[in-house]
N, C-alpha and C. Protein backbone atom coordinates (compact mmCIF):
# COMPACT_ATOMS: atom_id res chain seq x y z
N MET A 1 0.91 -1.45 -0.23
CA MET A 1 -0.03 0.01 -0.06
C MET A 1 1.00 1.27 -0.09
N GLU A 2 0.43 2.29 -0.88
CA GLU A 2 1.32 3.45 -1.16
C GLU A 2 0.80 4.48 0.08
N THR A 3 1.95 5.05 0.49
CA THR A 3 1.40 5.99 1.72
C THR A 3 0.94 7.42 1.24
N PRO A 4 -0.11 7.68 1.64
CA PRO A 4 -0.85 9.11 0.93
C PRO A 4 -0.05 10.46 1.45
N LEU A 5 0.24 11.07 0.23
CA LEU A 5 0.66 12.32 0.22
C LEU A 5 0.22 13.56 0.39
N LEU A 6 0.22 14.71 1.02
CA LEU A 6 -0.49 15.85 0.96
C LEU A 6 0.29 16.85 -0.35
N ARG A 7 -0.33 16.73 -1.45
CA ARG A 7 0.20 17.52 -2.47
C ARG A 7 -0.40 18.89 -2.80
N TYR A 8 0.13 19.98 -2.71
CA TYR A 8 -0.58 21.48 -3.06
C TYR A 8 0.22 22.10 -4.06
N ARG A 9 -0.83 22.51 -4.95
CA ARG A 9 -0.33 23.03 -6.00
C ARG A 9 0.10 24.42 -5.78
N LEU A 10 1.36 24.98 -6.27
CA LEU A 10 1.70 26.30 -6.06
C LEU A 10 1.75 27.32 -7.24
N THR A 11 1.63 26.76 -8.30
CA THR A 11 1.39 27.61 -9.42
C THR A 11 -0.06 27.48 -10.13
N ASP A 12 -0.60 28.46 -10.94
CA ASP A 12 -1.90 28.15 -11.38
C ASP A 12 -1.60 27.49 -12.88
N PRO A 13 -2.38 26.78 -13.38
CA PRO A 13 -2.37 26.24 -14.76
C PRO A 13 -1.87 27.00 -15.71
N ILE A 14 -1.04 26.75 -16.68
CA ILE A 14 -0.77 27.48 -17.73
C ILE A 14 -1.95 28.07 -18.43
N GLY A 15 -1.59 29.33 -18.82
CA GLY A 15 -2.56 30.06 -19.86
C GLY A 15 -2.77 29.43 -21.07
N VAL A 16 -4.05 30.07 -21.64
CA VAL A 16 -4.31 29.87 -23.14
C VAL A 16 -2.84 29.88 -24.29
N THR A 17 -2.30 30.94 -24.05
CA THR A 17 -0.87 31.49 -25.03
C THR A 17 0.03 30.30 -24.90
N ALA A 18 0.19 30.06 -23.47
CA ALA A 18 1.20 29.12 -23.40
C ALA A 18 0.95 27.71 -24.08
N LYS A 19 -0.48 27.43 -23.96
CA LYS A 19 -0.86 26.05 -24.40
C LYS A 19 -0.72 25.94 -26.04
N VAL A 20 -0.94 27.50 -26.50
CA VAL A 20 -1.07 27.46 -28.05
C VAL A 20 0.55 27.17 -28.52
N TYR A 21 1.51 27.84 -27.42
CA TYR A 21 2.87 27.56 -28.04
C TYR A 21 3.43 26.66 -27.92
N ALA A 22 3.02 25.62 -26.82
CA ALA A 22 3.53 24.42 -26.67
C ALA A 22 2.84 23.37 -27.96
N LEU A 23 1.67 23.74 -28.13
CA LEU A 23 1.09 22.84 -29.24
C LEU A 23 1.70 23.21 -30.67
N VAL A 24 1.99 24.44 -31.08
CA VAL A 24 2.92 24.98 -32.19
C VAL A 24 4.42 24.05 -31.91
N ILE A 25 4.89 23.92 -30.88
CA ILE A 25 6.11 23.28 -30.79
C ILE A 25 5.92 21.94 -30.96
N ILE A 26 4.89 21.25 -30.74
CA ILE A 26 4.62 19.95 -30.82
C ILE A 26 4.42 19.62 -32.19
N ALA A 27 3.52 20.55 -32.73
CA ALA A 27 3.43 20.35 -34.30
C ALA A 27 4.64 20.37 -35.07
N ALA A 28 5.37 21.54 -34.89
CA ALA A 28 6.72 21.93 -35.66
C ALA A 28 7.87 20.44 -35.34
N GLY A 29 7.49 19.78 -33.91
CA GLY A 29 8.53 18.53 -33.93
C GLY A 29 8.01 17.43 -34.79
N VAL A 30 6.75 17.17 -34.89
CA VAL A 30 6.15 16.10 -35.71
C VAL A 30 6.73 16.31 -36.96
N TRP A 31 6.60 17.83 -37.44
CA TRP A 31 7.04 17.87 -38.83
C TRP A 31 8.18 17.73 -39.10
N LEU A 32 9.20 18.04 -37.93
CA LEU A 32 10.78 17.81 -38.26
C LEU A 32 11.21 16.20 -38.01
N PHE A 33 10.37 15.85 -37.47
CA PHE A 33 10.30 14.24 -37.18
C PHE A 33 10.81 13.60 -38.52
N MET A 34 10.03 14.24 -39.62
CA MET A 34 9.89 13.29 -41.01
C MET A 34 11.37 13.55 -41.61
N THR A 35 12.16 14.47 -41.26
CA THR A 35 13.43 14.62 -41.98
C THR A 35 14.68 14.23 -40.85
N TYR A 36 14.62 14.81 -39.67
CA TYR A 36 15.39 14.50 -38.51
C TYR A 36 14.81 14.13 -37.11
N PRO A 37 14.53 12.70 -37.31
CA PRO A 37 14.01 12.23 -36.13
C PRO A 37 14.50 12.50 -34.75
N VAL A 38 15.68 12.59 -34.43
CA VAL A 38 16.02 12.71 -33.21
C VAL A 38 15.71 14.45 -32.42
N PHE A 39 15.82 15.28 -33.57
CA PHE A 39 15.39 16.62 -33.19
C PHE A 39 13.83 16.54 -33.04
N GLY A 40 13.19 16.02 -33.88
CA GLY A 40 11.58 16.26 -34.01
C GLY A 40 11.36 15.32 -32.63
N VAL A 41 11.71 14.26 -32.14
CA VAL A 41 11.45 14.03 -31.00
C VAL A 41 11.70 14.72 -29.71
N ILE A 42 13.10 15.52 -29.83
CA ILE A 42 13.51 16.34 -28.57
C ILE A 42 12.50 17.63 -28.76
N MET A 43 11.84 18.23 -29.83
CA MET A 43 10.99 19.13 -29.85
C MET A 43 9.77 18.80 -29.41
N VAL A 44 9.05 17.63 -29.61
CA VAL A 44 7.95 17.12 -29.39
C VAL A 44 7.86 16.95 -27.66
N LEU A 45 9.00 16.56 -27.24
CA LEU A 45 9.21 16.59 -25.55
C LEU A 45 9.30 17.87 -25.20
N PHE A 46 9.70 18.95 -25.68
CA PHE A 46 9.83 20.31 -25.20
C PHE A 46 8.38 20.70 -25.27
N GLY A 47 7.71 20.51 -26.20
CA GLY A 47 6.46 20.80 -26.31
C GLY A 47 5.28 20.26 -25.32
N ILE A 48 5.74 19.20 -24.81
CA ILE A 48 4.73 18.39 -24.06
C ILE A 48 5.31 18.90 -22.56
N PHE A 49 6.09 19.25 -21.86
CA PHE A 49 6.69 19.36 -20.90
C PHE A 49 6.01 20.51 -20.24
N PRO A 50 5.56 21.78 -20.70
CA PRO A 50 4.71 22.77 -20.15
C PRO A 50 3.31 22.31 -19.76
N LEU A 51 3.13 21.45 -20.60
CA LEU A 51 1.35 20.94 -20.37
C LEU A 51 1.45 19.95 -19.22
N VAL A 52 2.51 19.34 -18.81
CA VAL A 52 2.25 18.14 -17.91
C VAL A 52 3.07 18.61 -16.64
N GLN A 53 3.60 19.68 -16.26
CA GLN A 53 4.21 20.18 -14.88
C GLN A 53 3.53 21.35 -14.28
N TYR A 54 3.96 21.24 -13.09
CA TYR A 54 3.59 22.38 -12.37
C TYR A 54 4.51 22.58 -11.13
N LYS A 55 4.59 23.35 -10.31
CA LYS A 55 5.49 23.66 -8.96
C LYS A 55 4.33 23.13 -7.86
N CYS A 56 4.87 22.37 -7.02
CA CYS A 56 4.11 21.85 -5.98
C CYS A 56 4.99 21.78 -4.58
N LEU A 57 4.07 21.76 -3.58
CA LEU A 57 4.61 21.12 -2.32
C LEU A 57 3.95 20.17 -1.81
N GLU A 58 4.88 18.71 -1.51
CA GLU A 58 4.42 17.60 -1.17
C GLU A 58 5.01 17.28 0.27
N ILE A 59 3.61 16.97 1.10
CA ILE A 59 4.29 16.90 2.52
C ILE A 59 3.78 15.19 2.73
N ASP A 60 4.76 14.63 3.30
CA ASP A 60 4.65 13.27 3.48
C ASP A 60 4.48 13.14 5.23
N LEU A 61 3.52 13.04 5.89
CA LEU A 61 3.53 13.01 7.04
C LEU A 61 3.97 11.80 7.60
N TYR A 62 3.79 10.66 7.18
CA TYR A 62 4.16 9.57 7.66
C TYR A 62 5.70 9.34 7.74
N SER A 63 6.35 9.49 6.67
CA SER A 63 7.87 9.57 6.84
C SER A 63 8.65 10.78 7.10
N GLY A 64 7.70 11.79 7.34
CA GLY A 64 8.16 12.95 8.06
C GLY A 64 8.96 14.08 7.25
N THR A 65 8.75 13.84 5.86
CA THR A 65 9.60 14.79 5.07
C THR A 65 8.35 15.80 4.21
N TYR A 66 9.02 16.90 3.63
CA TYR A 66 8.32 17.40 2.80
C TYR A 66 9.33 17.99 1.37
N CYS A 67 8.95 18.26 0.42
CA CYS A 67 9.55 18.44 -0.91
C CYS A 67 8.89 19.47 -1.64
N MET A 68 9.84 20.71 -1.79
CA MET A 68 9.46 21.42 -2.99
C MET A 68 9.87 21.47 -4.42
N GLY A 69 8.88 21.17 -5.24
CA GLY A 69 9.77 20.86 -6.55
C GLY A 69 8.58 21.21 -7.64
N LEU A 70 9.11 20.47 -8.84
CA LEU A 70 8.34 20.38 -9.99
C LEU A 70 7.55 18.90 -9.88
N ASN A 71 6.03 19.15 -10.26
CA ASN A 71 5.54 17.60 -10.53
C ASN A 71 5.49 17.58 -11.72
N ILE A 72 5.86 16.26 -12.07
CA ILE A 72 5.48 15.75 -13.41
C ILE A 72 5.26 14.63 -13.78
N LEU A 73 3.83 14.67 -14.14
CA LEU A 73 2.86 13.32 -14.05
C LEU A 73 2.90 12.76 -13.06
N GLY A 74 2.64 13.29 -11.83
CA GLY A 74 2.23 12.77 -10.41
C GLY A 74 3.54 12.37 -9.70
N HIS A 75 4.83 12.68 -10.24
CA HIS A 75 5.78 12.36 -9.51
C HIS A 75 6.71 13.71 -9.48
N THR A 76 7.07 14.20 -7.97
CA THR A 76 7.71 15.28 -7.62
C THR A 76 9.09 15.07 -7.67
N VAL A 77 9.55 16.17 -8.34
CA VAL A 77 11.28 16.30 -8.42
C VAL A 77 11.76 17.44 -7.71
N GLY A 78 12.41 17.21 -6.66
CA GLY A 78 13.08 18.05 -5.59
C GLY A 78 13.59 17.44 -4.94
N THR A 79 14.37 18.12 -3.76
CA THR A 79 14.86 17.53 -2.61
C THR A 79 14.15 17.38 -1.28
N ARG A 80 14.03 16.41 -0.71
CA ARG A 80 13.32 16.06 0.52
C ARG A 80 13.90 16.65 1.56
N GLU A 81 13.17 17.28 2.51
CA GLU A 81 13.47 18.00 3.56
C GLU A 81 12.93 17.49 5.00
N PRO A 82 13.53 17.26 5.90
CA PRO A 82 12.73 16.69 7.18
C PRO A 82 11.36 17.75 7.66
N TYR A 83 10.48 17.27 7.85
CA TYR A 83 9.39 18.20 8.20
C TYR A 83 9.28 18.34 9.45
N PRO A 84 9.22 19.32 10.16
CA PRO A 84 9.48 19.69 11.63
C PRO A 84 7.86 19.98 12.05
N GLY A 85 6.84 20.30 11.29
CA GLY A 85 5.66 20.46 12.04
C GLY A 85 5.46 21.59 11.45
N THR A 86 3.95 22.00 11.60
CA THR A 86 3.52 23.53 11.22
C THR A 86 3.22 24.09 12.26
N LYS A 87 3.60 25.62 12.09
CA LYS A 87 3.06 26.46 13.14
C LYS A 87 1.76 27.05 12.94
N CYS A 88 1.73 27.53 11.75
CA CYS A 88 0.53 28.10 11.16
C CYS A 88 0.55 28.48 9.59
N ILE A 89 -0.44 28.87 9.21
CA ILE A 89 -0.62 29.40 7.60
C ILE A 89 -0.83 30.74 8.09
N PHE A 90 -0.11 31.72 7.18
CA PHE A 90 -0.47 33.37 7.46
C PHE A 90 -0.71 34.02 6.22
N LEU A 91 -1.38 34.98 6.24
CA LEU A 91 -1.67 35.86 5.15
C LEU A 91 -0.99 37.23 5.35
N LYS A 92 -0.46 37.80 4.49
CA LYS A 92 0.28 39.08 4.40
C LYS A 92 0.01 39.78 3.23
N LYS A 93 -0.24 40.90 3.65
CA LYS A 93 -0.54 41.97 2.37
C LYS A 93 0.92 42.74 2.15
N ASN A 94 0.85 42.42 0.45
CA ASN A 94 2.06 43.07 -0.21
C ASN A 94 1.76 44.14 -1.16
N ARG A 95 2.32 45.48 -0.92
CA ARG A 95 1.96 46.48 -1.61
C ARG A 95 3.36 47.14 -2.46
N THR A 96 3.13 47.07 -3.96
CA THR A 96 4.20 47.46 -4.50
C THR A 96 3.70 48.68 -5.23
N ILE A 97 4.93 49.50 -5.42
CA ILE A 97 4.55 51.00 -6.21
C ILE A 97 5.42 51.18 -6.99
N ALA A 98 4.87 50.92 -8.28
CA ALA A 98 5.69 51.37 -9.72
C ALA A 98 5.79 52.81 -9.85
N SER A 99 7.02 53.31 -10.14
CA SER A 99 7.19 54.74 -10.26
C SER A 99 6.66 55.27 -11.88
N ASN A 100 6.95 54.57 -12.55
CA ASN A 100 6.45 54.92 -13.79
C ASN A 100 5.79 54.26 -14.89
N SER A 101 5.12 54.77 -15.65
CA SER A 101 4.22 53.97 -16.56
C SER A 101 4.17 54.68 -17.81
N ARG A 102 3.86 53.88 -18.62
CA ARG A 102 3.69 54.55 -20.15
C ARG A 102 2.39 55.76 -20.30
N ARG A 103 1.68 55.18 -19.81
CA ARG A 103 0.09 56.14 -19.92
C ARG A 103 0.09 57.15 -18.99
N SER A 104 1.01 57.18 -17.70
CA SER A 104 0.60 58.03 -16.75
C SER A 104 1.91 58.27 -15.97
N TRP A 105 1.94 59.53 -15.27
CA TRP A 105 3.23 59.95 -14.63
C TRP A 105 2.93 59.84 -13.27
N ARG A 106 1.91 59.36 -12.80
CA ARG A 106 1.27 59.22 -11.33
C ARG A 106 2.00 57.55 -11.14
N PRO A 107 2.58 57.61 -9.74
CA PRO A 107 3.01 56.14 -9.18
C PRO A 107 1.70 55.53 -9.17
N ILE A 108 1.88 53.95 -9.64
CA ILE A 108 1.03 52.93 -9.56
C ILE A 108 1.16 52.09 -8.45
N ALA A 109 0.13 51.91 -7.38
CA ALA A 109 0.44 51.08 -6.43
C ALA A 109 -0.60 49.92 -6.63
N SER A 110 0.03 48.66 -6.42
CA SER A 110 -0.78 47.32 -6.72
C SER A 110 -0.70 46.58 -5.34
N THR A 111 -1.70 45.76 -5.02
CA THR A 111 -1.81 45.08 -3.63
C THR A 111 -1.87 43.58 -3.97
N SER A 112 -1.29 42.95 -3.22
CA SER A 112 -1.53 41.40 -3.38
C SER A 112 -1.35 40.92 -2.23
N PHE A 113 -1.92 39.58 -2.00
CA PHE A 113 -2.08 38.94 -0.80
C PHE A 113 -1.07 37.67 -0.71
N ASP A 114 -0.20 37.64 -0.02
CA ASP A 114 0.46 36.39 -0.02
C ASP A 114 0.21 35.70 1.10
N SER A 115 0.17 33.98 0.90
CA SER A 115 0.01 33.32 2.20
C SER A 115 1.10 32.45 2.12
N PHE A 116 1.40 32.10 3.33
CA PHE A 116 2.68 31.49 3.67
C PHE A 116 2.43 30.48 4.45
N LEU A 117 3.28 29.14 4.45
CA LEU A 117 3.28 27.92 5.40
C LEU A 117 4.60 28.31 6.19
N TRP A 118 4.08 28.44 7.53
CA TRP A 118 5.08 28.71 8.54
C TRP A 118 5.41 27.37 9.46
N LEU A 119 6.66 26.75 8.98
CA LEU A 119 7.12 25.69 9.71
C LEU A 119 7.57 25.79 11.17
N GLU A 120 7.36 24.82 11.89
CA GLU A 120 8.35 24.76 13.32
C GLU A 120 9.78 25.09 13.30
N ASP A 121 10.51 24.97 12.04
CA ASP A 121 11.91 25.08 12.45
C ASP A 121 12.18 26.63 11.81
N GLY A 122 11.02 27.59 11.55
CA GLY A 122 11.54 28.95 11.22
C GLY A 122 11.12 29.18 9.66
N THR A 123 11.20 28.11 8.81
CA THR A 123 10.96 28.16 7.50
C THR A 123 9.67 28.63 7.01
N LYS A 124 9.61 29.40 6.14
CA LYS A 124 8.45 29.99 5.41
C LYS A 124 8.28 29.86 4.05
N ILE A 125 7.41 29.07 3.57
CA ILE A 125 7.02 28.65 2.40
C ILE A 125 5.84 29.70 1.54
N LEU A 126 6.24 29.93 0.52
CA LEU A 126 5.32 30.90 -0.02
C LEU A 126 4.34 29.91 -0.95
N LEU A 127 3.07 30.04 -0.50
CA LEU A 127 1.92 29.31 -0.95
C LEU A 127 1.11 29.79 -2.23
N SER A 128 0.75 31.16 -2.12
CA SER A 128 -0.03 31.75 -3.15
C SER A 128 0.28 33.33 -3.23
N CYS A 129 -0.11 34.05 -4.18
CA CYS A 129 -0.01 35.17 -4.32
C CYS A 129 -1.19 35.81 -5.13
N ASP A 130 -2.02 36.31 -4.52
CA ASP A 130 -3.44 36.33 -5.09
C ASP A 130 -3.77 37.94 -5.09
N GLY A 131 -4.70 38.32 -5.88
CA GLY A 131 -5.27 39.96 -5.96
C GLY A 131 -6.12 40.40 -4.82
N THR A 132 -6.86 39.34 -4.49
CA THR A 132 -7.70 39.47 -3.44
C THR A 132 -7.49 38.68 -2.28
N LYS A 133 -7.89 39.14 -1.14
CA LYS A 133 -7.92 38.49 0.24
C LYS A 133 -8.85 37.22 0.22
N GLU A 134 -9.98 37.10 -0.37
CA GLU A 134 -10.98 36.39 -0.30
C GLU A 134 -10.31 35.05 -1.26
N ASP A 135 -9.55 35.30 -2.18
CA ASP A 135 -9.03 34.36 -3.23
C ASP A 135 -8.09 33.60 -2.57
N ALA A 136 -7.15 34.53 -1.66
CA ALA A 136 -5.93 33.82 -0.96
C ALA A 136 -6.32 33.10 0.05
N MET A 137 -7.52 33.31 0.83
CA MET A 137 -8.09 32.70 1.91
C MET A 137 -8.92 31.33 1.47
N ALA A 138 -9.41 31.44 0.12
CA ALA A 138 -10.06 30.34 -0.35
C ALA A 138 -9.08 29.41 -0.97
N ARG A 139 -7.94 29.93 -1.14
CA ARG A 139 -6.91 28.65 -1.94
C ARG A 139 -6.11 27.96 -0.79
N VAL A 140 -5.85 28.80 0.46
CA VAL A 140 -5.12 27.90 1.37
C VAL A 140 -5.95 27.22 2.36
N GLN A 141 -7.57 27.35 2.42
CA GLN A 141 -8.35 26.78 3.14
C GLN A 141 -8.15 25.14 3.32
N PRO A 142 -8.13 24.50 2.01
CA PRO A 142 -8.04 23.07 2.00
C PRO A 142 -6.88 22.50 2.91
N LEU A 143 -5.60 23.05 2.25
CA LEU A 143 -4.22 22.72 3.02
C LEU A 143 -4.44 23.00 4.60
N ALA A 144 -5.10 24.09 5.06
CA ALA A 144 -4.98 24.26 6.46
C ALA A 144 -5.69 23.17 7.14
N GLN A 145 -6.96 22.62 6.48
CA GLN A 145 -7.57 21.67 6.89
C GLN A 145 -6.98 20.34 6.93
N GLU A 146 -6.07 20.14 6.10
CA GLU A 146 -5.44 18.71 5.44
C GLU A 146 -4.61 18.70 6.86
N LEU A 147 -3.73 19.99 7.26
CA LEU A 147 -2.73 19.89 8.17
C LEU A 147 -3.27 20.21 9.64
N GLN A 148 -4.56 20.48 9.66
CA GLN A 148 -5.13 20.93 10.97
C GLN A 148 -4.61 22.02 11.56
N THR A 149 -4.17 23.01 10.88
CA THR A 149 -3.67 24.19 11.41
C THR A 149 -4.51 25.37 11.36
N GLU A 150 -4.15 26.39 11.92
CA GLU A 150 -5.02 27.68 11.82
C GLU A 150 -4.52 28.68 10.65
N ILE A 151 -5.45 29.56 9.98
CA ILE A 151 -4.96 30.76 9.27
C ILE A 151 -4.94 31.95 9.98
N ARG A 152 -3.51 32.48 10.32
CA ARG A 152 -3.85 33.74 10.67
C ARG A 152 -3.70 35.07 9.83
N ASP A 153 -4.62 35.89 9.87
CA ASP A 153 -4.65 37.24 9.07
C ASP A 153 -3.78 38.26 9.46
N LEU A 154 -2.92 38.48 8.67
CA LEU A 154 -1.73 39.55 9.35
C LEU A 154 -2.19 40.77 8.34
N THR A 155 -3.24 40.62 8.05
CA THR A 155 -3.61 42.12 6.88
C THR A 155 -4.38 43.06 7.81
N ALA A 156 -5.11 42.53 8.99
CA ALA A 156 -5.66 43.29 9.83
C ALA A 156 -4.70 44.31 10.36
N PRO A 157 -5.25 45.63 10.77
CA PRO A 157 -4.24 46.50 11.56
C PRO A 157 -3.98 45.92 12.86
N LEU A 158 -2.64 46.01 13.50
CA LEU A 158 -2.45 45.91 14.74
C LEU A 158 -2.19 44.29 15.00
N SER A 159 -1.78 43.55 13.96
CA SER A 159 -2.08 41.94 13.96
C SER A 159 -0.51 41.68 14.03
N HIS A 160 -0.24 40.61 14.74
CA HIS A 160 1.21 40.22 14.93
C HIS A 160 1.16 38.75 15.22
N ILE A 161 2.51 38.05 14.65
CA ILE A 161 2.47 36.72 15.05
C ILE A 161 2.86 36.58 16.54
């Protein structure tokens, strides 16, 4: 029996433009396969790779390890670290100010809500970066339930850990 793993997707699925580029590379690889088989196969593999990979956090509670890496067809590639336990998941507001723009001389401020997994050894792992607080909370809620930990909202005034 295989041990169950907690797998959390850290990146969004690729967009339509990236899918179109991948399909064009695959089609070019098939066309190139007619004259240069080795290069054709390599291009097809490079075209398939963006469609089947994503960045993920994998936690194995039974063996006490976690892995941050790329998940390719259900297998996570990365280094396994000892999992010390979870303090909490916290949400932080991140405000970025861009000083110049093509359309305006005014500075442009953008706000994002970053969620982090805080481990017992002090390691902080970025889980998501969303435009709204509700999206960030909805994204980390399933992981918090699986890890049985609380979500601390540090975006409110006078909040601290």
